[in-house]
């Protein structure tokens, strides 16, 4: 699984346009989940967090016109977007939490 996090610091008067752009990113092929978040401490900071099934799906998305629109939002931002791509090799679920809690003395 691949997780992409894009943080964007919007100009105060451009928050609506940034949010509309982030919402337009929904429903790309191979995207397992898509979350648009707003920072609770700074209402100008938005994050887009996507989970991708394969690197090929992500790369296709990065080459898409839809992603090009996202990169074109630089005039709406205080600084360039911060883009992070994380590769996850393993995932654990509730049994891992239970196992860790069983070790509480």
PDB file of N, CA and C in Angstrom:
ATOM      1  N   UNK A   1       0.845  -1.173   0.000  1.00  0.00           N
ATOM      2  CA  UNK A   1       0.000   0.000   0.000  1.00  0.00           C
ATOM      3  C   UNK A   1       0.891   1.237   0.000  1.00  0.00           C
ATOM      4  N   UNK A   2       0.413   2.280  -0.641  1.00  0.00           N
ATOM      5  CA  UNK A   2       1.135   3.546  -0.723  1.00  0.00           C
ATOM      6  C   UNK A   2       0.222   4.638  -0.177  1.00  0.00           C
ATOM      7  N   UNK A   3       0.765   5.449   0.712  1.00  0.00           N
ATOM      8  CA  UNK A   3       0.008   6.563   1.292  1.00  0.00           C
ATOM      9  C   UNK A   3       0.640   7.862   0.822  1.00  0.00           C
ATOM     10  N   UNK A   4      -0.191   8.731   0.283  1.00  0.00           N
ATOM     11  CA  UNK A   4       0.265  10.043  -0.184  1.00  0.00           C
ATOM     12  C   UNK A   4      -0.404  11.099   0.692  1.00  0.00           C
ATOM     13  N   UNK A   5       0.415  12.005   1.217  1.00  0.00           N
ATOM     14  CA  UNK A   5      -0.107  13.127   2.006  1.00  0.00           C
ATOM     15  C   UNK A   5       0.351  14.413   1.340  1.00  0.00           C
ATOM     16  N   UNK A   6      -0.622  15.252   1.037  1.00  0.00           N
ATOM     17  CA  UNK A   6      -0.327  16.557   0.442  1.00  0.00           C
ATOM     18  C   UNK A   6      -0.867  17.620   1.378  1.00  0.00           C
ATOM     19  N   UNK A   7       0.022  18.439   1.924  1.00  0.00           N
ATOM     20  CA  UNK A   7      -0.375  19.537   2.808  1.00  0.00           C
ATOM     21  C   UNK A   7      -0.306  20.836   2.018  1.00  0.00           C
ATOM     22  N   UNK A   8      -1.355  21.632   2.163  1.00  0.00           N
ATOM     23  CA  UNK A   8      -1.438  22.883   1.416  1.00  0.00           C
ATOM     24  C   UNK A   8      -1.834  24.010   2.371  1.00  0.00           C
ATOM     25  N   UNK A   9      -1.064  25.091   2.347  1.00  0.00           N
ATOM     26  CA  UNK A   9      -1.335  26.253   3.177  1.00  0.00           C
ATOM     27  C   UNK A   9      -1.969  27.322   2.284  1.00  0.00           C
ATOM     28  N   UNK A  10      -3.287  27.427   2.348  1.00  0.00           N
ATOM     29  CA  UNK A  10      -4.036  28.322   1.462  1.00  0.00           C
ATOM     30  C   UNK A  10      -3.943  29.773   1.909  1.00  0.00           C
ATOM     31  N   UNK A  11      -3.956  30.656   0.933  1.00  0.00           N
ATOM     32  CA  UNK A  11      -4.140  32.062   1.251  1.00  0.00           C
ATOM     33  C   UNK A  11      -5.523  32.189   1.889  1.00  0.00           C
ATOM     34  N   UNK A  12      -5.675  33.010   2.936  1.00  0.00           N
ATOM     35  CA  UNK A  12      -6.968  33.073   3.646  1.00  0.00           C
ATOM     36  C   UNK A  12      -8.172  33.307   2.736  1.00  0.00           C
ATOM     37  N   UNK A  13      -8.018  34.128   1.725  1.00  0.00           N
ATOM     38  CA  UNK A  13      -9.146  34.434   0.837  1.00  0.00           C
ATOM     39  C   UNK A  13      -9.365  33.364  -0.236  1.00  0.00           C
ATOM     40  N   UNK A  14      -8.525  32.339  -0.271  1.00  0.00           N
ATOM     41  CA  UNK A  14      -8.614  31.296  -1.295  1.00  0.00           C
ATOM     42  C   UNK A  14      -8.966  29.920  -0.723  1.00  0.00           C
ATOM     43  N   UNK A  15      -9.407  29.865   0.528  1.00  0.00           N
ATOM     44  CA  UNK A  15      -9.732  28.593   1.174  1.00  0.00           C
ATOM     45  C   UNK A  15     -10.785  27.802   0.393  1.00  0.00           C
ATOM     46  N   UNK A  16     -11.816  28.464  -0.047  1.00  0.00           N
ATOM     47  CA  UNK A  16     -12.909  27.780  -0.753  1.00  0.00           C
ATOM     48  C   UNK A  16     -12.398  27.130  -2.044  1.00  0.00           C
ATOM     49  N   UNK A  17     -11.587  27.851  -2.805  1.00  0.00           N
ATOM     50  CA  UNK A  17     -11.060  27.317  -4.055  1.00  0.00           C
ATOM     51  C   UNK A  17     -10.142  26.117  -3.817  1.00  0.00           C
ATOM     52  N   UNK A  18      -9.331  26.191  -2.757  1.00  0.00           N
ATOM     53  CA  UNK A  18      -8.445  25.067  -2.433  1.00  0.00           C
ATOM     54  C   UNK A  18      -9.283  23.846  -2.055  1.00  0.00           C
ATOM     55  N   UNK A  19     -10.299  24.046  -1.221  1.00  0.00           N
ATOM     56  CA  UNK A  19     -11.155  22.926  -0.823  1.00  0.00           C
ATOM     57  C   UNK A  19     -11.859  22.321  -2.032  1.00  0.00           C
ATOM     58  N   UNK A  20     -12.352  23.135  -2.940  1.00  0.00           N
ATOM     59  CA  UNK A  20     -13.010  22.623  -4.150  1.00  0.00           C
ATOM     60  C   UNK A  20     -12.034  21.798  -4.994  1.00  0.00           C
ATOM     61  N   UNK A  21     -10.804  22.260  -5.102  1.00  0.00           N
ATOM     62  CA  UNK A  21      -9.790  21.518  -5.859  1.00  0.00           C
ATOM     63  C   UNK A  21      -9.510  20.174  -5.203  1.00  0.00           C
ATOM     64  N   UNK A  22      -9.355  20.158  -3.887  1.00  0.00           N
ATOM     65  CA  UNK A  22      -9.084  18.910  -3.181  1.00  0.00           C
ATOM     66  C   UNK A  22     -10.248  17.928  -3.324  1.00  0.00           C
ATOM     67  N   UNK A  23     -11.459  18.419  -3.243  1.00  0.00           N
ATOM     68  CA  UNK A  23     -12.622  17.539  -3.382  1.00  0.00           C
ATOM     69  C   UNK A  23     -12.742  16.986  -4.801  1.00  0.00           C
ATOM     70  N   UNK A  24     -12.240  17.719  -5.780  1.00  0.00           N
ATOM     71  CA  UNK A  24     -12.310  17.253  -7.166  1.00  0.00           C
ATOM     72  C   UNK A  24     -11.363  16.081  -7.426  1.00  0.00           C
ATOM     73  N   UNK A  25     -10.467  15.801  -6.495  1.00  0.00           N
ATOM     74  CA  UNK A  25      -9.489  14.732  -6.671  1.00  0.00           C
ATOM     75  C   UNK A  25     -10.077  13.352  -6.378  1.00  0.00           C
ATOM     76  N   UNK A  26     -11.279  13.288  -5.856  1.00  0.00           N
ATOM     77  CA  UNK A  26     -11.916  12.026  -5.465  1.00  0.00           C
ATOM     78  C   UNK A  26     -12.157  11.133  -6.682  1.00  0.00           C
ATOM     79  N   UNK A  27     -12.103   9.829  -6.448  1.00  0.00           N
ATOM     80  CA  UNK A  27     -12.504   8.800  -7.418  1.00  0.00           C
ATOM     81  C   UNK A  27     -11.516   8.583  -8.558  1.00  0.00           C
ATOM     82  N   UNK A  28     -10.274   8.430  -8.221  1.00  0.00           N
ATOM     83  CA  UNK A  28      -9.293   8.030  -9.221  1.00  0.00           C
ATOM     84  C   UNK A  28      -9.121   6.516  -9.163  1.00  0.00           C
ATOM     85  N   UNK A  29      -8.908   5.896 -10.308  1.00  0.00           N
ATOM     86  CA  UNK A  29      -8.737   4.440 -10.387  1.00  0.00           C
ATOM     87  C   UNK A  29      -7.559   3.996  -9.533  1.00  0.00           C
ATOM     88  N   UNK A  30      -7.764   2.969  -8.721  1.00  0.00           N
ATOM     89  CA  UNK A  30      -6.709   2.433  -7.877  1.00  0.00           C
ATOM     90  C   UNK A  30      -6.581   3.105  -6.526  1.00  0.00           C
ATOM     91  N   UNK A  31      -7.359   4.144  -6.292  1.00  0.00           N
ATOM     92  CA  UNK A  31      -7.313   4.840  -5.008  1.00  0.00           C
ATOM     93  C   UNK A  31      -8.222   4.097  -4.027  1.00  0.00           C
ATOM     94  N   UNK A  32      -7.634   3.591  -2.943  1.00  0.00           N
ATOM     95  CA  UNK A  32      -8.385   2.825  -1.959  1.00  0.00           C
ATOM     96  C   UNK A  32      -9.172   3.717  -1.004  1.00  0.00           C
ATOM     97  N   UNK A  33      -8.614   4.878  -0.679  1.00  0.00           N
ATOM     98  CA  UNK A  33      -9.336   5.840   0.167  1.00  0.00           C
ATOM     99  C   UNK A  33      -8.799   7.238  -0.098  1.00  0.00           C
ATOM    100  N   UNK A  34      -9.646   8.213   0.189  1.00  0.00           N
ATOM    101  CA  UNK A  34      -9.344   9.610  -0.125  1.00  0.00           C
ATOM    102  C   UNK A  34      -9.920  10.449   1.011  1.00  0.00           C
ATOM    103  N   UNK A  35      -9.073  11.207   1.689  1.00  0.00           N
ATOM    104  CA  UNK A  35      -9.524  12.024   2.815  1.00  0.00           C
ATOM    105  C   UNK A  35      -9.033  13.457   2.639  1.00  0.00           C
ATOM    106  N   UNK A  36      -9.944  14.399   2.785  1.00  0.00           N
ATOM    107  CA  UNK A  36      -9.590  15.812   2.780  1.00  0.00           C
ATOM    108  C   UNK A  36      -9.810  16.312   4.200  1.00  0.00           C
ATOM    109  N   UNK A  37      -8.761  16.897   4.774  1.00  0.00           N
ATOM    110  CA  UNK A  37      -8.801  17.344   6.162  1.00  0.00           C
ATOM    111  C   UNK A  37      -8.435  18.815   6.258  1.00  0.00           C
ATOM    112  N   UNK A  38      -8.966  19.456   7.292  1.00  0.00           N
ATOM    113  CA  UNK A  38      -8.619  20.843   7.571  1.00  0.00           C
ATOM    114  C   UNK A  38      -8.004  20.888   8.959  1.00  0.00           C
ATOM    115  N   UNK A  39      -6.902  21.573   9.107  1.00  0.00           N
ATOM    116  CA  UNK A  39      -6.202  21.656  10.377  1.00  0.00           C
ATOM    117  C   UNK A  39      -7.064  22.369  11.422  1.00  0.00           C
ATOM    118  N   UNK A  40      -7.115  21.831  12.639  1.00  0.00           N
ATOM    119  CA  UNK A  40      -7.953  22.456  13.670  1.00  0.00           C
ATOM    120  C   UNK A  40      -7.279  23.673  14.302  1.00  0.00           C
ATOM    121  N   UNK A  41      -5.962  23.790  14.146  1.00  0.00           N
ATOM    122  CA  UNK A  41      -5.258  24.940  14.705  1.00  0.00           C
ATOM    123  C   UNK A  41      -5.077  26.071  13.695  1.00  0.00           C
ATOM    124  N   UNK A  42      -5.070  25.742  12.415  1.00  0.00           N
ATOM    125  CA  UNK A  42      -4.889  26.752  11.362  1.00  0.00           C
ATOM    126  C   UNK A  42      -5.848  26.433  10.226  1.00  0.00           C
ATOM    127  N   UNK A  43      -6.919  27.168  10.129  1.00  0.00           N
ATOM    128  CA  UNK A  43      -7.966  26.872   9.137  1.00  0.00           C
ATOM    129  C   UNK A  43      -7.516  27.071   7.695  1.00  0.00           C
ATOM    130  N   UNK A  44      -6.329  27.599   7.489  1.00  0.00           N
ATOM    131  CA  UNK A  44      -5.802  27.772   6.130  1.00  0.00           C
ATOM    132  C   UNK A  44      -5.033  26.544   5.645  1.00  0.00           C
ATOM    133  N   UNK A  45      -4.785  25.586   6.526  1.00  0.00           N
ATOM    134  CA  UNK A  45      -3.997  24.410   6.178  1.00  0.00           C
ATOM    135  C   UNK A  45      -4.925  23.225   5.898  1.00  0.00           C
ATOM    136  N   UNK A  46      -4.768  22.667   4.714  1.00  0.00           N
ATOM    137  CA  UNK A  46      -5.554  21.518   4.284  1.00  0.00           C
ATOM    138  C   UNK A  46      -4.616  20.354   4.006  1.00  0.00           C
ATOM    139  N   UNK A  47      -5.111  19.150   4.218  1.00  0.00           N
ATOM    140  CA  UNK A  47      -4.346  17.953   3.882  1.00  0.00           C
ATOM    141  C   UNK A  47      -5.207  17.026   3.048  1.00  0.00           C
ATOM    142  N   UNK A  48      -4.587  16.429   2.082  1.00  0.00           N
ATOM    143  CA  UNK A  48      -5.202  15.393   1.263  1.00  0.00           C
ATOM    144  C   UNK A  48      -4.423  14.123   1.548  1.00  0.00           C
ATOM    145  N   UNK A  49      -5.120  13.078   1.990  1.00  0.00           N
ATOM    146  CA  UNK A  49      -4.467  11.800   2.289  1.00  0.00           C
ATOM    147  C   UNK A  49      -5.142  10.723   1.456  1.00  0.00           C
ATOM    148  N   UNK A  50      -4.356  10.106   0.585  1.00  0.00           N
ATOM    149  CA  UNK A  50      -4.852   9.038  -0.292  1.00  0.00           C
ATOM    150  C   UNK A  50      -4.098   7.752   0.005  1.00  0.00           C
ATOM    151  N   UNK A  51      -4.802   6.631  -0.117  1.00  0.00           N
ATOM    152  CA  UNK A  51      -4.176   5.320  -0.050  1.00  0.00           C
ATOM    153  C   UNK A  51      -4.309   4.691  -1.431  1.00  0.00           C
ATOM    154  N   UNK A  52      -3.194   4.182  -1.957  1.00  0.00           N
ATOM    155  CA  UNK A  52      -3.155   3.620  -3.304  1.00  0.00           C
ATOM    156  C   UNK A  52      -2.826   2.142  -3.250  1.00  0.00           C
ATOM    157  N   UNK A  53      -3.460   1.393  -4.114  1.00  0.00           N
ATOM    158  CA  UNK A  53      -3.248  -0.048  -4.179  1.00  0.00           C
ATOM    159  C   UNK A  53      -1.868  -0.392  -4.729  1.00  0.00           C
ATOM    160  N   UNK A  54      -1.463   0.278  -5.824  1.00  0.00           N
ATOM    161  CA  UNK A  54      -0.171  -0.009  -6.449  1.00  0.00           C
ATOM    162  C   UNK A  54       0.538   1.283  -6.839  1.00  0.00           C
ATOM    163  N   UNK A  55       1.834   1.180  -7.039  1.00  0.00           N
ATOM    164  CA  UNK A  55       2.618   2.329  -7.500  1.00  0.00           C
ATOM    165  C   UNK A  55       2.211   2.707  -8.919  1.00  0.00           C
ATOM    166  N   UNK A  56       1.848   1.727  -9.723  1.00  0.00           N
ATOM    167  CA  UNK A  56       1.415   2.008 -11.093  1.00  0.00           C
ATOM    168  C   UNK A  56       0.158   2.879 -11.101  1.00  0.00           C
ATOM    169  N   UNK A  57      -0.799   2.560 -10.214  1.00  0.00           N
ATOM    170  CA  UNK A  57      -2.023   3.374 -10.113  1.00  0.00           C
ATOM    171  C   UNK A  57      -1.682   4.799  -9.681  1.00  0.00           C
ATOM    172  N   UNK A  58      -0.798   4.916  -8.691  1.00  0.00           N
ATOM    173  CA  UNK A  58      -0.396   6.248  -8.227  1.00  0.00           C
ATOM    174  C   UNK A  58       0.302   7.011  -9.342  1.00  0.00           C
ATOM    175  N   UNK A  59       1.242   6.376 -10.031  1.00  0.00           N
ATOM    176  CA  UNK A  59       1.968   7.061 -11.105  1.00  0.00           C
ATOM    177  C   UNK A  59       1.028   7.538 -12.209  1.00  0.00           C
ATOM    178  N   UNK A  60       0.035   6.718 -12.537  1.00  0.00           N
ATOM    179  CA  UNK A  60      -0.954   7.122 -13.542  1.00  0.00           C
ATOM    180  C   UNK A  60      -1.705   8.359 -13.059  1.00  0.00           C
ATOM    181  N   UNK A  61      -2.056   8.376 -11.785  1.00  0.00           N
ATOM    182  CA  UNK A  61      -2.741   9.539 -11.206  1.00  0.00           C
ATOM    183  C   UNK A  61      -1.847  10.779 -11.239  1.00  0.00           C
ATOM    184  N   UNK A  62      -0.561  10.610 -10.916  1.00  0.00           N
ATOM    185  CA  UNK A  62       0.366  11.746 -10.908  1.00  0.00           C
ATOM    186  C   UNK A  62       0.539  12.353 -12.295  1.00  0.00           C
ATOM    187  N   UNK A  63       0.351  11.543 -13.340  1.00  0.00           N
ATOM    188  CA  UNK A  63       0.457  12.033 -14.725  1.00  0.00           C
ATOM    189  C   UNK A  63      -0.864  12.599 -15.249  1.00  0.00           C
ATOM    190  N   UNK A  64      -1.930  12.465 -14.493  1.00  0.00           N
ATOM    191  CA  UNK A  64      -3.264  12.841 -14.970  1.00  0.00           C
ATOM    192  C   UNK A  64      -3.470  14.360 -14.992  1.00  0.00           C
ATOM    193  N   UNK A  65      -4.426  14.781 -15.803  1.00  0.00           N
ATOM    194  CA  UNK A  65      -4.812  16.190 -15.857  1.00  0.00           C
ATOM    195  C   UNK A  65      -5.380  16.634 -14.511  1.00  0.00           C
ATOM    196  N   UNK A  66      -6.081  15.720 -13.854  1.00  0.00           N
ATOM    197  CA  UNK A  66      -6.672  16.026 -12.547  1.00  0.00           C
ATOM    198  C   UNK A  66      -5.576  16.423 -11.550  1.00  0.00           C
ATOM    199  N   UNK A  67      -4.478  15.680 -11.525  1.00  0.00           N
ATOM    200  CA  UNK A  67      -3.381  16.007 -10.618  1.00  0.00           C
ATOM    201  C   UNK A  67      -2.689  17.293 -11.077  1.00  0.00           C
ATOM    202  N   UNK A  68      -2.628  17.520 -12.374  1.00  0.00           N
ATOM    203  CA  UNK A  68      -2.060  18.761 -12.894  1.00  0.00           C
ATOM    204  C   UNK A  68      -2.810  19.982 -12.388  1.00  0.00           C
ATOM    205  N   UNK A  69      -4.128  19.849 -12.255  1.00  0.00           N
ATOM    206  CA  UNK A  69      -4.934  20.948 -11.702  1.00  0.00           C
ATOM    207  C   UNK A  69      -4.515  21.222 -10.265  1.00  0.00           C
ATOM    208  N   UNK A  70      -4.301  20.152  -9.492  1.00  0.00           N
ATOM    209  CA  UNK A  70      -3.861  20.317  -8.103  1.00  0.00           C
ATOM    210  C   UNK A  70      -2.529  21.061  -8.051  1.00  0.00           C
ATOM    211  N   UNK A  71      -1.583  20.671  -8.899  1.00  0.00           N
ATOM    212  CA  UNK A  71      -0.289  21.354  -8.923  1.00  0.00           C
ATOM    213  C   UNK A  71      -0.428  22.805  -9.377  1.00  0.00           C
ATOM    214  N   UNK A  72      -1.456  23.096 -10.149  1.00  0.00           N
ATOM    215  CA  UNK A  72      -1.684  24.454 -10.638  1.00  0.00           C
ATOM    216  C   UNK A  72      -2.290  25.397  -9.613  1.00  0.00           C
ATOM    217  N   UNK A  73      -2.537  24.916  -8.406  1.00  0.00           N
ATOM    218  CA  UNK A  73      -3.146  25.769  -7.375  1.00  0.00           C
ATOM    219  C   UNK A  73      -2.135  26.663  -6.676  1.00  0.00           C
ATOM    220  N   UNK A  74      -0.893  26.689  -7.140  1.00  0.00           N
ATOM    221  CA  UNK A  74       0.148  27.440  -6.429  1.00  0.00           C
ATOM    222  C   UNK A  74      -0.204  28.909  -6.213  1.00  0.00           C
ATOM    223  N   UNK A  75      -1.022  29.484  -7.087  1.00  0.00           N
ATOM    224  CA  UNK A  75      -1.416  30.889  -6.898  1.00  0.00           C
ATOM    225  C   UNK A  75      -2.427  31.049  -5.760  1.00  0.00           C
ATOM    226  N   UNK A  76      -2.967  29.931  -5.270  1.00  0.00           N
ATOM    227  CA  UNK A  76      -3.925  29.961  -4.161  1.00  0.00           C
ATOM    228  C   UNK A  76      -3.257  29.708  -2.810  1.00  0.00           C
ATOM    229  N   UNK A  77      -1.938  29.445  -2.849  1.00  0.00           N
ATOM    230  CA  UNK A  77      -1.222  28.998  -1.659  1.00  0.00           C
ATOM    231  C   UNK A  77      -0.180  29.996  -1.188  1.00  0.00           C
ATOM    232  N   UNK A  78       0.129  29.936   0.112  1.00  0.00           N
ATOM    233  CA  UNK A  78       1.194  30.762   0.696  1.00  0.00           C
ATOM    234  C   UNK A  78       2.572  30.224   0.336  1.00  0.00           C
ATOM    235  N   UNK A  79       2.646  28.911   0.089  1.00  0.00           N
ATOM    236  CA  UNK A  79       3.910  28.239  -0.224  1.00  0.00           C
ATOM    237  C   UNK A  79       3.579  27.025  -1.073  1.00  0.00           C
ATOM    238  N   UNK A  80       4.569  26.435  -1.730  1.00  0.00           N
ATOM    239  CA  UNK A  80       4.278  25.243  -2.542  1.00  0.00           C
ATOM    240  C   UNK A  80       3.715  24.115  -1.675  1.00  0.00           C
ATOM    241  N   UNK A  81       2.884  23.237  -2.261  1.00  0.00           N
ATOM    242  CA  UNK A  81       2.353  22.117  -1.478  1.00  0.00           C
ATOM    243  C   UNK A  81       3.478  21.191  -1.017  1.00  0.00           C
ATOM    244  N   UNK A  82       3.294  20.624   0.161  1.00  0.00           N
ATOM    245  CA  UNK A  82       4.243  19.647   0.696  1.00  0.00           C
ATOM    246  C   UNK A  82       3.693  18.262   0.367  1.00  0.00           C
ATOM    247  N   UNK A  83       4.369  17.536  -0.506  1.00  0.00           N
ATOM    248  CA  UNK A  83       3.902  16.225  -0.957  1.00  0.00           C
ATOM    249  C   UNK A  83       4.814  15.148  -0.399  1.00  0.00           C
ATOM    250  N   UNK A  84       4.209  14.171   0.293  1.00  0.00           N
ATOM    251  CA  UNK A  84       4.951  13.042   0.858  1.00  0.00           C
ATOM    252  C   UNK A  84       4.340  11.753   0.333  1.00  0.00           C
ATOM    253  N   UNK A  85       5.195  10.822  -0.112  1.00  0.00           N
ATOM    254  CA  UNK A  85       4.751   9.509  -0.585  1.00  0.00           C
ATOM    255  C   UNK A  85       5.395   8.469   0.319  1.00  0.00           C
ATOM    256  N   UNK A  86       4.558   7.676   0.990  1.00  0.00           N
ATOM    257  CA  UNK A  86       5.030   6.663   1.929  1.00  0.00           C
ATOM    258  C   UNK A  86       4.632   5.274   1.436  1.00  0.00           C
ATOM    259  N   UNK A  87       5.584   4.363   1.420  1.00  0.00           N
ATOM    260  CA  UNK A  87       5.316   2.979   1.068  1.00  0.00           C
ATOM    261  C   UNK A  87       5.171   2.183   2.361  1.00  0.00           C
ATOM    262  N   UNK A  88       4.061   1.486   2.495  1.00  0.00           N
ATOM    263  CA  UNK A  88       3.777   0.697   3.688  1.00  0.00           C
ATOM    264  C   UNK A  88       3.968  -0.771   3.336  1.00  0.00           C
ATOM    265  N   UNK A  89       4.898  -1.422   4.027  1.00  0.00           N
ATOM    266  CA  UNK A  89       5.167  -2.819   3.696  1.00  0.00           C
ATOM    267  C   UNK A  89       4.289  -3.779   4.492  1.00  0.00           C
ATOM    268  N   UNK A  90       3.885  -3.388   5.689  1.00  0.00           N
ATOM    269  CA  UNK A  90       2.997  -4.242   6.480  1.00  0.00           C
ATOM    270  C   UNK A  90       1.955  -3.388   7.187  1.00  0.00           C
ATOM    271  N   UNK A  91       0.833  -4.002   7.494  1.00  0.00           N
ATOM    272  CA  UNK A  91      -0.234  -3.349   8.249  1.00  0.00           C
ATOM    273  C   UNK A  91      -0.727  -4.327   9.300  1.00  0.00           C
ATOM    274  N   UNK A  92      -1.121  -3.798  10.430  1.00  0.00           N
ATOM    275  CA  UNK A  92      -1.679  -4.625  11.489  1.00  0.00           C
ATOM    276  C   UNK A  92      -3.033  -4.064  11.893  1.00  0.00           C
ATOM    277  N   UNK A  93      -3.832  -4.925  12.495  1.00  0.00           N
ATOM    278  CA  UNK A  93      -5.173  -4.517  12.908  1.00  0.00           C
ATOM    279  C   UNK A  93      -5.328  -4.701  14.410  1.00  0.00           C
ATOM    280  N   UNK A  94      -6.565  -4.808  14.865  1.00  0.00           N
ATOM    281  CA  UNK A  94      -6.888  -4.854  16.286  1.00  0.00           C
ATOM    282  C   UNK A  94      -6.155  -5.942  17.063  1.00  0.00           C
ATOM    283  N   UNK A  95      -5.886  -7.123  16.514  1.00  0.00           N
ATOM    284  CA  UNK A  95      -5.137  -8.120  17.297  1.00  0.00           C
ATOM    285  C   UNK A  95      -3.778  -7.596  17.781  1.00  0.00           C
ATOM    286  N   UNK A  96      -3.130  -6.736  17.018  1.00  0.00           N
ATOM    287  CA  UNK A  96      -1.858  -6.159  17.443  1.00  0.00           C
ATOM    288  C   UNK A  96      -2.061  -5.242  18.648  1.00  0.00           C
ATOM    289  N   UNK A  97      -3.148  -4.500  18.646  1.00  0.00           N
ATOM    290  CA  UNK A  97      -3.472  -3.632  19.789  1.00  0.00           C
ATOM    291  C   UNK A  97      -3.741  -4.491  21.015  1.00  0.00           C
ATOM    292  N   UNK A  98      -4.547  -5.533  20.840  1.00  0.00           N
ATOM    293  CA  UNK A  98      -4.863  -6.424  21.958  1.00  0.00           C
ATOM    294  C   UNK A  98      -3.609  -7.083  22.516  1.00  0.00           C
ATOM    295  N   UNK A  99      -2.719  -7.515  21.643  1.00  0.00           N
ATOM    296  CA  UNK A  99      -1.486  -8.161  22.084  1.00  0.00           C
ATOM    297  C   UNK A  99      -0.628  -7.192  22.900  1.00  0.00           C
ATOM    298  N   UNK A 100      -0.533  -5.953  22.448  1.00  0.00           N
ATOM    299  CA  UNK A 100       0.251  -4.957  23.167  1.00  0.00           C
ATOM    300  C   UNK A 100      -0.383  -4.649  24.523  1.00  0.00           C
ATOM    301  N   UNK A 101      -1.705  -4.560  24.541  1.00  0.00           N
ATOM    302  CA  UNK A 101      -2.403  -4.254  25.799  1.00  0.00           C
ATOM    303  C   UNK A 101      -2.327  -5.415  26.780  1.00  0.00           C
ATOM    304  N   UNK A 102      -2.217  -6.632  26.278  1.00  0.00           N
ATOM    305  CA  UNK A 102      -2.083  -7.792  27.153  1.00  0.00           C
ATOM    306  C   UNK A 102      -0.781  -7.755  27.933  1.00  0.00           C
ATOM    307  N   UNK A 103       0.197  -6.992  27.443  1.00  0.00           N
ATOM    308  CA  UNK A 103       1.503  -6.901  28.098  1.00  0.00           C
ATOM    309  C   UNK A 103       1.534  -5.847  29.197  1.00  0.00           C
ATOM    310  N   UNK A 104       0.438  -5.114  29.393  1.00  0.00           N
ATOM    311  CA  UNK A 104       0.366  -4.094  30.447  1.00  0.00           C
ATOM    312  C   UNK A 104       0.367  -4.815  31.786  1.00  0.00           C
ATOM    313  N   UNK A 105       1.245  -4.387  32.656  1.00  0.00           N
ATOM    314  CA  UNK A 105       1.311  -5.034  33.982  1.00  0.00           C
ATOM    315  C   UNK A 105       0.735  -4.186  35.063  1.00  0.00           C
TER     316      UNK A 105
END
